[in-house]
């Protein structure tokens, strides 16, 4: 009996805590930018100043904060102080900002002047020295023909790519730095592919890469044509991450790394065996390309689990891989996409739902709100897909009933939104701070 009383007490206490948190979350969502600023300043004073100064600040700015009580104000101020990152934003023009823009514009104008001057010099040479071009063509044609041959041009662009990756992080301007580094990374990937495939035009080596994801090339060829350039590019991105403080490179490194992993020879030789984990039941009409897609999804699931087990969680890579897996699993779980038989179809639904629920729980445990939202968004999309798909799978047709179906889907979405608003504690899986 005592255990039951304790359980009821804890249940009542947790419900009250969730209700308080839900009320504070609603207040936080309704705050204006000015009110958030005042609460942030109030939290700073509570942390670093004396209680008298904090109380004085609260009394002065109480009218601007509306009906927020002092207790609620302290909780909201602590939340904002803990989870807010200050950024430098220009609110209005100033002399310093104008001078900064002048210097940036001057550099761009100098570059434009050099291009226009070079064009003018070429025109003047052609007008006043008409024989100069014929002489240059006659004597320099063999040299330029060799210098700009497709083979040499690939090596030259590769050198340019390496130079851009090495010196690009030293460029002070954010936009120019980002453009230079990304162009260099693209050149590195494409020119490595061109050199290894010995196809020096994009149309040619793109065709070979697409063949590598089918059964036209051997595992060794797929490794050379796809894995090696992708792995070296991911290594270049890792190096840029170490020397450049820009935030987007940790999100990008997982893309070439996963492409490199997909075509590793041991994994290519194990594709049929690995695909049986997603298609465990024998089905004669299962296509080889569906088995390969299942293998890629399974490899990504394994890498996703490895990222969770690392001593330091690579949050950006985990986030990008989660987005890919969510989209891939939702896609292959559709009956018309992969014809794998009824039993395999049911198993795919179990795997998809298990992963999406796992994403929600993982996001709450790691404190990654965006990861939890991806999982919840994936569950919502899954529910909407099955709303249209399951009646068709069971033999019913939406023909001439799509308008009623859309109305039913609207009611379904409205019901989910109403449930979230009425029971937010069911969806707030993060621990109370």
Foldseek 3Di string as FASTA:
>chain_A
DVVVVVVVVVVVVVVVVVVVVLVLVVLVVPDDPVLLVLLLVLQVCVVPNDPVVSVVSCVVCVVVSPPQDPVSSNVSNVVCNVPPDDDDDDPDDDPVVVVVVVVVVVVVVVVVVVVVVVVVVVVVCCVPPVCPVVVCCVPCVVVVCVCPPLVNVLVVLLVQLVVLLVCLLVDPDPVSSVVSNVVSLVSQLVSQLCNQVVPRDPVVSVVVQVCLLPPPDALVSNLSNQQVSLVVSLVSLVVSVVRHVDDCSLLVSLVSNLRNVLSHSVLVVCLQVQLCVLQVDDDPPFDPSNSSLSSSLSVLVVVLVVLVVDPDRSVSSNQNSLLVNLVSLLQVLACVRTPRDDVSSVSSVVVNLVVLVVQLLVCQVVVNVVSNVSSVVSVLVSVLSCLQRVCVVVPHDCVVPVVVSVVVVVVVVVVVVVCCSVCVVVRNSHDDD
